[in-house]
Amino acid sequence: MPGKAPSDEERAGYLQQIWQPYHQQLQDELTRLKAKHGYALLFDAHSIASVIPRLFDGKLPDLNLGTNGGESCAPALSDRLVACCEQQQQFTHVLNGRFKGGYITRAYGQPQQQQHAIQLELAQVNYMSEQYPFAFEPQRAAALQRLLKQMIDSLLACGQPR
């Protein structure tokens, strides 16, 4: 909250009680998947308002894919996602534009160790009202759901990327 920054003690508590267990669990799951399949793929998806004047000019692309500039996953994986996006006309997309990948993508994307991470920053306008009461819009979401399923299926069909 504005003017209510957490104290040093509260910050330390958040790190110990939330951040560290979350990231430990995430790493444990990636390790488990690599042991089982020989590789792990982390698809870190978020949503964001399509227009945020205080942060960005204009409207964001519908799908903002990030691979830390190609450092967090094998090129075959990002190529598959881009190909899915290019096969349709309804949604705009960009790879490594404004959102190149946040902490999770950068920290866990280690393709040389068969651990791949991709971030998706999804414009909310594609599945919900961006105005109060921020309602889910099933008709808008249907086409997006089909595209997202195609993207995930394509990643899974890739098998162990090289």
N, C-alpha and C. Protein backbone atom coordinates (compact mmCIF):
# COMPACT_ATOMS: atom_id res chain seq x y z
N MET A 1 0.84 -1.17 0.00
CA MET A 1 0.00 0.00 0.00
C MET A 1 0.89 1.24 0.00
N PRO A 2 0.46 2.27 -0.70
CA PRO A 2 1.25 3.51 -0.68
C PRO A 2 1.42 4.03 0.75
N GLY A 3 2.63 4.37 1.08
CA GLY A 3 2.92 4.88 2.41
C GLY A 3 2.96 3.83 3.49
N LYS A 4 2.82 2.58 3.13
CA LYS A 4 2.79 1.48 4.11
C LYS A 4 3.81 0.41 3.72
N ALA A 5 5.00 0.81 3.44
CA ALA A 5 6.04 -0.15 3.06
C ALA A 5 6.30 -1.11 4.21
N PRO A 6 6.53 -2.39 3.89
CA PRO A 6 6.81 -3.35 4.96
C PRO A 6 8.14 -3.03 5.65
N SER A 7 8.19 -3.34 6.92
CA SER A 7 9.42 -3.15 7.68
C SER A 7 10.46 -4.19 7.25
N ASP A 8 11.69 -4.00 7.67
CA ASP A 8 12.73 -4.99 7.38
C ASP A 8 12.36 -6.35 7.95
N GLU A 9 11.78 -6.35 9.12
CA GLU A 9 11.36 -7.60 9.76
C GLU A 9 10.25 -8.28 8.94
N GLU A 10 9.29 -7.49 8.48
CA GLU A 10 8.21 -8.06 7.66
C GLU A 10 8.76 -8.61 6.34
N ARG A 11 9.68 -7.87 5.73
CA ARG A 11 10.29 -8.34 4.47
C ARG A 11 11.02 -9.66 4.69
N ALA A 12 11.76 -9.75 5.76
CA ALA A 12 12.48 -10.99 6.07
C ALA A 12 11.49 -12.14 6.28
N GLY A 13 10.38 -11.85 6.94
CA GLY A 13 9.35 -12.86 7.15
C GLY A 13 8.73 -13.32 5.85
N TYR A 14 8.45 -12.38 4.93
CA TYR A 14 7.90 -12.74 3.63
C TYR A 14 8.87 -13.64 2.87
N LEU A 15 10.13 -13.28 2.90
CA LEU A 15 11.14 -14.10 2.21
C LEU A 15 11.16 -15.52 2.78
N GLN A 16 11.18 -15.61 4.08
CA GLN A 16 11.29 -16.91 4.73
C GLN A 16 10.00 -17.73 4.61
N GLN A 17 8.86 -17.09 4.74
CA GLN A 17 7.59 -17.82 4.77
C GLN A 17 6.95 -18.03 3.40
N ILE A 18 7.27 -17.19 2.43
CA ILE A 18 6.60 -17.26 1.13
C ILE A 18 7.58 -17.48 -0.01
N TRP A 19 8.52 -16.54 -0.19
CA TRP A 19 9.39 -16.56 -1.35
C TRP A 19 10.27 -17.81 -1.39
N GLN A 20 10.98 -18.08 -0.31
CA GLN A 20 11.90 -19.22 -0.30
C GLN A 20 11.17 -20.56 -0.46
N PRO A 21 10.07 -20.82 0.27
CA PRO A 21 9.36 -22.10 0.06
C PRO A 21 8.80 -22.23 -1.36
N TYR A 22 8.30 -21.14 -1.91
CA TYR A 22 7.76 -21.18 -3.28
C TYR A 22 8.86 -21.58 -4.26
N HIS A 23 9.99 -20.91 -4.18
CA HIS A 23 11.07 -21.18 -5.13
C HIS A 23 11.71 -22.54 -4.88
N GLN A 24 11.74 -22.98 -3.64
CA GLN A 24 12.25 -24.33 -3.37
C GLN A 24 11.33 -25.37 -3.99
N GLN A 25 10.03 -25.17 -3.84
CA GLN A 25 9.06 -26.10 -4.43
C GLN A 25 9.16 -26.10 -5.96
N LEU A 26 9.33 -24.93 -6.53
CA LEU A 26 9.47 -24.83 -7.99
C LEU A 26 10.71 -25.58 -8.46
N GLN A 27 11.84 -25.37 -7.79
CA GLN A 27 13.07 -26.08 -8.18
C GLN A 27 12.93 -27.58 -7.95
N ASP A 28 12.30 -27.98 -6.87
CA ASP A 28 12.09 -29.41 -6.62
C ASP A 28 11.28 -30.05 -7.74
N GLU A 29 10.24 -29.36 -8.20
CA GLU A 29 9.41 -29.91 -9.27
C GLU A 29 10.18 -29.98 -10.59
N LEU A 30 10.97 -28.98 -10.89
CA LEU A 30 11.79 -29.02 -12.11
C LEU A 30 12.79 -30.17 -12.04
N THR A 31 13.39 -30.37 -10.88
CA THR A 31 14.33 -31.48 -10.69
C THR A 31 13.62 -32.81 -10.87
N ARG A 32 12.42 -32.95 -10.33
CA ARG A 32 11.63 -34.17 -10.48
C ARG A 32 11.31 -34.44 -11.94
N LEU A 33 10.89 -33.42 -12.66
CA LEU A 33 10.55 -33.57 -14.07
C LEU A 33 11.77 -33.95 -14.91
N LYS A 34 12.90 -33.34 -14.62
CA LYS A 34 14.12 -33.69 -15.35
C LYS A 34 14.52 -35.13 -15.08
N ALA A 35 14.38 -35.58 -13.84
CA ALA A 35 14.71 -36.97 -13.52
C ALA A 35 13.77 -37.94 -14.24
N LYS A 36 12.52 -37.57 -14.37
CA LYS A 36 11.53 -38.45 -15.00
C LYS A 36 11.60 -38.42 -16.53
N HIS A 37 11.80 -37.23 -17.11
CA HIS A 37 11.69 -37.07 -18.57
C HIS A 37 13.00 -36.71 -19.27
N GLY A 38 14.01 -36.38 -18.51
CA GLY A 38 15.27 -35.96 -19.12
C GLY A 38 15.36 -34.47 -19.38
N TYR A 39 14.26 -33.78 -19.23
CA TYR A 39 14.23 -32.32 -19.38
C TYR A 39 13.01 -31.79 -18.64
N ALA A 40 12.99 -30.47 -18.43
CA ALA A 40 11.84 -29.82 -17.81
C ALA A 40 11.54 -28.54 -18.58
N LEU A 41 10.27 -28.24 -18.68
CA LEU A 41 9.81 -27.02 -19.35
C LEU A 41 8.91 -26.25 -18.40
N LEU A 42 9.27 -25.02 -18.12
CA LEU A 42 8.50 -24.14 -17.26
C LEU A 42 7.85 -23.08 -18.14
N PHE A 43 6.53 -23.02 -18.13
CA PHE A 43 5.77 -22.02 -18.88
C PHE A 43 5.18 -21.07 -17.86
N ASP A 44 5.79 -19.91 -17.70
CA ASP A 44 5.46 -18.95 -16.66
C ASP A 44 4.50 -17.91 -17.23
N ALA A 45 3.21 -18.09 -16.98
CA ALA A 45 2.19 -17.24 -17.60
C ALA A 45 1.62 -16.23 -16.61
N HIS A 46 1.43 -15.03 -17.10
CA HIS A 46 0.89 -13.92 -16.33
C HIS A 46 -0.11 -13.18 -17.20
N SER A 47 -0.90 -12.32 -16.60
CA SER A 47 -1.76 -11.45 -17.39
C SER A 47 -1.53 -10.01 -16.96
N ILE A 48 -1.86 -9.11 -17.88
CA ILE A 48 -1.61 -7.69 -17.66
C ILE A 48 -2.64 -6.89 -18.44
N ALA A 49 -2.96 -5.72 -17.95
CA ALA A 49 -3.84 -4.82 -18.69
C ALA A 49 -3.20 -4.51 -20.04
N SER A 50 -4.03 -4.35 -21.06
CA SER A 50 -3.48 -4.12 -22.40
C SER A 50 -2.97 -2.70 -22.59
N VAL A 51 -3.44 -1.78 -21.76
CA VAL A 51 -3.00 -0.38 -21.84
C VAL A 51 -2.63 0.07 -20.43
N ILE A 52 -1.38 0.49 -20.28
CA ILE A 52 -0.89 1.00 -18.99
C ILE A 52 -0.07 2.26 -19.29
N PRO A 53 -0.74 3.41 -19.43
CA PRO A 53 -0.06 4.62 -19.88
C PRO A 53 1.15 5.02 -19.04
N ARG A 54 1.11 4.76 -17.75
CA ARG A 54 2.24 5.18 -16.91
C ARG A 54 3.48 4.31 -17.14
N LEU A 55 3.29 3.14 -17.77
CA LEU A 55 4.41 2.23 -18.02
C LEU A 55 4.78 2.10 -19.50
N PHE A 56 3.77 2.10 -20.38
CA PHE A 56 4.01 1.83 -21.80
C PHE A 56 3.16 2.75 -22.67
N ASP A 57 3.71 3.11 -23.82
CA ASP A 57 2.93 3.84 -24.82
C ASP A 57 2.08 2.85 -25.60
N GLY A 58 0.88 3.25 -25.92
CA GLY A 58 0.03 2.43 -26.77
C GLY A 58 -0.48 1.18 -26.09
N LYS A 59 -0.91 0.26 -26.95
CA LYS A 59 -1.49 -1.00 -26.49
C LYS A 59 -0.45 -2.11 -26.62
N LEU A 60 -0.39 -2.96 -25.61
CA LEU A 60 0.53 -4.10 -25.65
C LEU A 60 0.05 -5.13 -26.67
N PRO A 61 0.97 -5.90 -27.26
CA PRO A 61 0.54 -7.04 -28.06
C PRO A 61 -0.29 -7.99 -27.19
N ASP A 62 -1.11 -8.80 -27.83
CA ASP A 62 -1.96 -9.73 -27.10
C ASP A 62 -1.15 -10.77 -26.35
N LEU A 63 -0.14 -11.32 -27.00
CA LEU A 63 0.72 -12.35 -26.39
C LEU A 63 2.16 -11.85 -26.42
N ASN A 64 2.74 -11.70 -25.26
CA ASN A 64 4.11 -11.23 -25.11
C ASN A 64 4.95 -12.38 -24.58
N LEU A 65 5.72 -12.99 -25.46
CA LEU A 65 6.54 -14.15 -25.11
C LEU A 65 7.94 -13.69 -24.75
N GLY A 66 8.52 -14.27 -23.72
CA GLY A 66 9.86 -13.90 -23.30
C GLY A 66 10.73 -15.11 -23.03
N THR A 67 11.94 -15.06 -23.58
CA THR A 67 12.92 -16.13 -23.37
C THR A 67 14.27 -15.56 -22.94
N ASN A 68 14.23 -14.40 -22.29
CA ASN A 68 15.46 -13.74 -21.88
C ASN A 68 16.40 -13.58 -23.08
N GLY A 69 15.83 -13.11 -24.17
CA GLY A 69 16.63 -12.89 -25.38
C GLY A 69 17.17 -14.17 -25.98
N GLY A 70 16.46 -15.28 -25.78
CA GLY A 70 16.90 -16.57 -26.31
C GLY A 70 17.78 -17.36 -25.37
N GLU A 71 17.98 -16.86 -24.16
CA GLU A 71 18.88 -17.51 -23.20
C GLU A 71 18.20 -18.52 -22.28
N SER A 72 16.86 -18.49 -22.19
CA SER A 72 16.20 -19.33 -21.18
C SER A 72 15.58 -20.61 -21.74
N CYS A 73 15.61 -20.79 -23.05
CA CYS A 73 15.07 -22.02 -23.62
C CYS A 73 15.73 -22.30 -24.97
N ALA A 74 15.62 -23.55 -25.39
CA ALA A 74 16.14 -23.93 -26.70
C ALA A 74 15.36 -23.19 -27.78
N PRO A 75 16.04 -22.77 -28.85
CA PRO A 75 15.34 -22.06 -29.93
C PRO A 75 14.17 -22.85 -30.51
N ALA A 76 14.25 -24.17 -30.53
CA ALA A 76 13.16 -24.98 -31.08
C ALA A 76 11.85 -24.71 -30.35
N LEU A 77 11.91 -24.43 -29.06
CA LEU A 77 10.70 -24.18 -28.28
C LEU A 77 10.08 -22.83 -28.62
N SER A 78 10.88 -21.78 -28.59
CA SER A 78 10.33 -20.46 -28.91
C SER A 78 9.89 -20.41 -30.37
N ASP A 79 10.60 -21.11 -31.26
CA ASP A 79 10.19 -21.16 -32.67
C ASP A 79 8.80 -21.78 -32.80
N ARG A 80 8.52 -22.81 -32.02
CA ARG A 80 7.21 -23.45 -32.08
C ARG A 80 6.10 -22.50 -31.61
N LEU A 81 6.37 -21.75 -30.56
CA LEU A 81 5.37 -20.82 -30.06
C LEU A 81 5.09 -19.72 -31.07
N VAL A 82 6.15 -19.18 -31.64
CA VAL A 82 5.99 -18.13 -32.64
C VAL A 82 5.23 -18.67 -33.85
N ALA A 83 5.54 -19.89 -34.28
CA ALA A 83 4.84 -20.49 -35.41
C ALA A 83 3.34 -20.62 -35.12
N CYS A 84 2.98 -21.03 -33.92
CA CYS A 84 1.56 -21.11 -33.56
C CYS A 84 0.91 -19.73 -33.67
N CYS A 85 1.59 -18.72 -33.18
CA CYS A 85 1.04 -17.37 -33.22
C CYS A 85 0.91 -16.86 -34.65
N GLU A 86 1.86 -17.21 -35.49
CA GLU A 86 1.84 -16.74 -36.88
C GLU A 86 0.79 -17.45 -37.73
N GLN A 87 0.31 -18.60 -37.28
CA GLN A 87 -0.69 -19.35 -38.05
C GLN A 87 -2.11 -18.83 -37.83
N GLN A 88 -2.26 -17.83 -37.01
CA GLN A 88 -3.59 -17.26 -36.76
C GLN A 88 -3.52 -15.74 -36.93
N GLN A 89 -4.65 -15.13 -37.10
CA GLN A 89 -4.71 -13.69 -37.37
C GLN A 89 -5.36 -12.88 -36.25
N GLN A 90 -6.00 -13.54 -35.32
CA GLN A 90 -6.81 -12.81 -34.33
C GLN A 90 -5.97 -12.11 -33.26
N PHE A 91 -4.84 -12.70 -32.88
CA PHE A 91 -4.06 -12.18 -31.76
C PHE A 91 -2.69 -11.72 -32.23
N THR A 92 -2.29 -10.55 -31.75
CA THR A 92 -0.94 -10.07 -32.03
C THR A 92 0.03 -10.72 -31.06
N HIS A 93 1.29 -10.74 -31.43
CA HIS A 93 2.30 -11.37 -30.57
C HIS A 93 3.66 -10.73 -30.80
N VAL A 94 4.53 -10.93 -29.83
CA VAL A 94 5.91 -10.50 -29.95
C VAL A 94 6.76 -11.45 -29.10
N LEU A 95 7.96 -11.69 -29.56
CA LEU A 95 8.93 -12.49 -28.81
C LEU A 95 10.03 -11.57 -28.32
N ASN A 96 10.27 -11.57 -27.03
CA ASN A 96 11.33 -10.76 -26.41
C ASN A 96 11.18 -9.28 -26.71
N GLY A 97 9.96 -8.80 -26.60
CA GLY A 97 9.69 -7.37 -26.74
C GLY A 97 9.87 -6.70 -25.39
N ARG A 98 8.82 -6.06 -24.90
CA ARG A 98 8.89 -5.40 -23.58
C ARG A 98 9.12 -6.40 -22.45
N PHE A 99 8.60 -7.61 -22.63
CA PHE A 99 8.71 -8.63 -21.59
C PHE A 99 9.64 -9.74 -22.08
N LYS A 100 10.88 -9.64 -21.69
CA LYS A 100 11.87 -10.63 -22.12
C LYS A 100 11.92 -11.83 -21.17
N GLY A 101 11.26 -11.70 -20.06
CA GLY A 101 11.27 -12.75 -19.05
C GLY A 101 11.68 -12.16 -17.72
N GLY A 102 10.91 -12.46 -16.70
CA GLY A 102 11.18 -11.96 -15.37
C GLY A 102 12.13 -12.86 -14.61
N TYR A 103 12.12 -12.71 -13.31
CA TYR A 103 13.06 -13.45 -12.46
C TYR A 103 12.96 -14.96 -12.68
N ILE A 104 11.76 -15.49 -12.71
CA ILE A 104 11.59 -16.94 -12.84
C ILE A 104 12.17 -17.42 -14.16
N THR A 105 11.88 -16.73 -15.23
CA THR A 105 12.41 -17.12 -16.55
C THR A 105 13.93 -17.08 -16.54
N ARG A 106 14.49 -16.01 -16.01
CA ARG A 106 15.96 -15.86 -16.01
C ARG A 106 16.63 -16.84 -15.05
N ALA A 107 16.03 -17.05 -13.89
CA ALA A 107 16.67 -17.90 -12.88
C ALA A 107 16.56 -19.38 -13.20
N TYR A 108 15.43 -19.80 -13.76
CA TYR A 108 15.19 -21.23 -13.96
C TYR A 108 15.41 -21.69 -15.40
N GLY A 109 15.50 -20.76 -16.32
CA GLY A 109 15.76 -21.14 -17.71
C GLY A 109 17.23 -21.44 -17.91
N GLN A 110 17.57 -22.71 -17.94
CA GLN A 110 18.95 -23.17 -18.10
C GLN A 110 18.97 -24.27 -19.16
N PRO A 111 18.80 -23.89 -20.43
CA PRO A 111 18.67 -24.91 -21.48
C PRO A 111 19.88 -25.82 -21.59
N GLN A 112 21.05 -25.35 -21.25
CA GLN A 112 22.25 -26.19 -21.29
C GLN A 112 22.16 -27.33 -20.28
N GLN A 113 21.26 -27.19 -19.30
CA GLN A 113 21.02 -28.23 -18.30
C GLN A 113 19.66 -28.90 -18.51
N GLN A 114 19.12 -28.76 -19.71
CA GLN A 114 17.82 -29.33 -20.08
C GLN A 114 16.68 -28.83 -19.19
N GLN A 115 16.78 -27.57 -18.81
CA GLN A 115 15.73 -26.92 -18.02
C GLN A 115 15.38 -25.63 -18.75
N HIS A 116 14.20 -25.60 -19.36
CA HIS A 116 13.79 -24.52 -20.25
C HIS A 116 12.68 -23.70 -19.60
N ALA A 117 12.72 -22.39 -19.79
CA ALA A 117 11.70 -21.51 -19.23
C ALA A 117 11.27 -20.48 -20.27
N ILE A 118 9.96 -20.28 -20.35
CA ILE A 118 9.37 -19.31 -21.26
C ILE A 118 8.33 -18.52 -20.47
N GLN A 119 8.32 -17.21 -20.67
CA GLN A 119 7.31 -16.37 -20.02
C GLN A 119 6.27 -15.96 -21.04
N LEU A 120 5.02 -15.94 -20.61
CA LEU A 120 3.92 -15.38 -21.39
C LEU A 120 3.27 -14.29 -20.57
N GLU A 121 3.25 -13.09 -21.10
CA GLU A 121 2.52 -11.97 -20.51
C GLU A 121 1.32 -11.76 -21.44
N LEU A 122 0.15 -12.06 -20.95
CA LEU A 122 -1.07 -12.12 -21.76
C LEU A 122 -1.94 -10.89 -21.49
N ALA A 123 -2.28 -10.16 -22.55
CA ALA A 123 -3.13 -8.98 -22.39
C ALA A 123 -4.54 -9.41 -21.97
N GLN A 124 -5.01 -8.85 -20.89
CA GLN A 124 -6.29 -9.24 -20.30
C GLN A 124 -7.48 -8.99 -21.21
N VAL A 125 -7.38 -8.04 -22.09
CA VAL A 125 -8.49 -7.70 -22.98
C VAL A 125 -8.95 -8.89 -23.81
N ASN A 126 -8.13 -9.90 -23.93
CA ASN A 126 -8.45 -11.07 -24.75
C ASN A 126 -9.36 -12.08 -24.06
N TYR A 127 -9.59 -11.93 -22.77
CA TYR A 127 -10.43 -12.91 -22.08
C TYR A 127 -11.30 -12.31 -20.98
N MET A 128 -11.21 -11.02 -20.76
CA MET A 128 -11.99 -10.41 -19.68
C MET A 128 -12.22 -8.93 -19.97
N SER A 129 -13.13 -8.36 -19.24
CA SER A 129 -13.34 -6.92 -19.29
C SER A 129 -12.22 -6.26 -18.49
N GLU A 130 -11.61 -5.26 -19.08
CA GLU A 130 -10.54 -4.55 -18.36
C GLU A 130 -11.09 -3.38 -17.54
N GLN A 131 -12.39 -3.25 -17.51
CA GLN A 131 -13.05 -2.23 -16.70
C GLN A 131 -13.83 -2.91 -15.59
N TYR A 132 -13.99 -2.21 -14.49
CA TYR A 132 -14.76 -2.74 -13.37
C TYR A 132 -16.11 -3.20 -13.87
N PRO A 133 -16.57 -4.38 -13.56
CA PRO A 133 -16.17 -5.30 -12.50
C PRO A 133 -15.18 -6.38 -12.94
N PHE A 134 -14.47 -6.18 -14.04
CA PHE A 134 -13.40 -7.08 -14.49
C PHE A 134 -13.90 -8.52 -14.69
N ALA A 135 -15.00 -8.66 -15.38
CA ALA A 135 -15.64 -9.96 -15.56
C ALA A 135 -14.96 -10.79 -16.65
N PHE A 136 -14.93 -12.09 -16.43
CA PHE A 136 -14.46 -13.05 -17.43
C PHE A 136 -15.43 -13.00 -18.61
N GLU A 137 -14.90 -13.04 -19.83
CA GLU A 137 -15.70 -12.98 -21.06
C GLU A 137 -15.52 -14.28 -21.83
N PRO A 138 -16.38 -15.28 -21.61
CA PRO A 138 -16.20 -16.60 -22.22
C PRO A 138 -16.09 -16.58 -23.74
N GLN A 139 -16.87 -15.75 -24.41
CA GLN A 139 -16.79 -15.72 -25.87
C GLN A 139 -15.44 -15.19 -26.34
N ARG A 140 -14.94 -14.16 -25.69
CA ARG A 140 -13.61 -13.66 -26.03
C ARG A 140 -12.54 -14.70 -25.74
N ALA A 141 -12.70 -15.37 -24.63
CA ALA A 141 -11.68 -16.31 -24.17
C ALA A 141 -11.60 -17.57 -25.02
N ALA A 142 -12.67 -17.95 -25.68
CA ALA A 142 -12.71 -19.23 -26.40
C ALA A 142 -11.60 -19.34 -27.45
N ALA A 143 -11.45 -18.33 -28.28
CA ALA A 143 -10.41 -18.38 -29.31
C ALA A 143 -9.02 -18.37 -28.68
N LEU A 144 -8.87 -17.61 -27.62
CA LEU A 144 -7.58 -17.57 -26.93
C LEU A 144 -7.26 -18.93 -26.31
N GLN A 145 -8.25 -19.56 -25.72
CA GLN A 145 -8.03 -20.89 -25.14
C GLN A 145 -7.58 -21.89 -26.20
N ARG A 146 -8.17 -21.81 -27.39
CA ARG A 146 -7.75 -22.71 -28.47
C ARG A 146 -6.30 -22.46 -28.85
N LEU A 147 -5.91 -21.18 -28.96
CA LEU A 147 -4.53 -20.86 -29.30
C LEU A 147 -3.58 -21.31 -28.20
N LEU A 148 -3.90 -21.06 -26.96
CA LEU A 148 -3.03 -21.47 -25.86
C LEU A 148 -2.87 -22.99 -25.81
N LYS A 149 -3.95 -23.70 -26.05
CA LYS A 149 -3.87 -25.17 -26.09
C LYS A 149 -2.96 -25.61 -27.23
N GLN A 150 -3.10 -24.98 -28.38
CA GLN A 150 -2.23 -25.31 -29.51
C GLN A 150 -0.76 -25.05 -29.16
N MET A 151 -0.50 -23.94 -28.48
CA MET A 151 0.87 -23.61 -28.10
C MET A 151 1.44 -24.65 -27.14
N ILE A 152 0.68 -25.00 -26.11
CA ILE A 152 1.15 -25.99 -25.13
C ILE A 152 1.33 -27.35 -25.80
N ASP A 153 0.36 -27.76 -26.62
CA ASP A 153 0.48 -29.03 -27.33
C ASP A 153 1.73 -29.06 -28.20
N SER A 154 2.03 -27.94 -28.84
CA SER A 154 3.21 -27.86 -29.70
C SER A 154 4.50 -28.00 -28.89
N LEU A 155 4.53 -27.37 -27.72
CA LEU A 155 5.70 -27.50 -26.85
C LEU A 155 5.88 -28.95 -26.40
N LEU A 156 4.79 -29.57 -26.00
CA LEU A 156 4.86 -30.96 -25.52
C LEU A 156 5.25 -31.92 -26.64
N ALA A 157 4.80 -31.65 -27.86
CA ALA A 157 5.13 -32.51 -29.00
C ALA A 157 6.60 -32.41 -29.39
N CYS A 158 7.24 -31.34 -28.97
CA CYS A 158 8.66 -31.14 -29.30
C CYS A 158 9.53 -32.19 -28.64
N GLY A 159 9.08 -32.71 -27.51
CA GLY A 159 9.92 -33.66 -26.78
C GLY A 159 11.13 -32.94 -26.20
N GLN A 160 12.18 -33.66 -25.97
CA GLN A 160 13.37 -33.06 -25.37
C GLN A 160 14.05 -32.16 -26.40
N PRO A 161 14.00 -30.85 -26.19
CA PRO A 161 14.61 -29.92 -27.16
C PRO A 161 16.12 -29.95 -27.09
N ARG A 162 16.72 -29.65 -28.19
CA ARG A 162 18.20 -29.60 -28.27
C ARG A 162 18.67 -28.19 -28.52
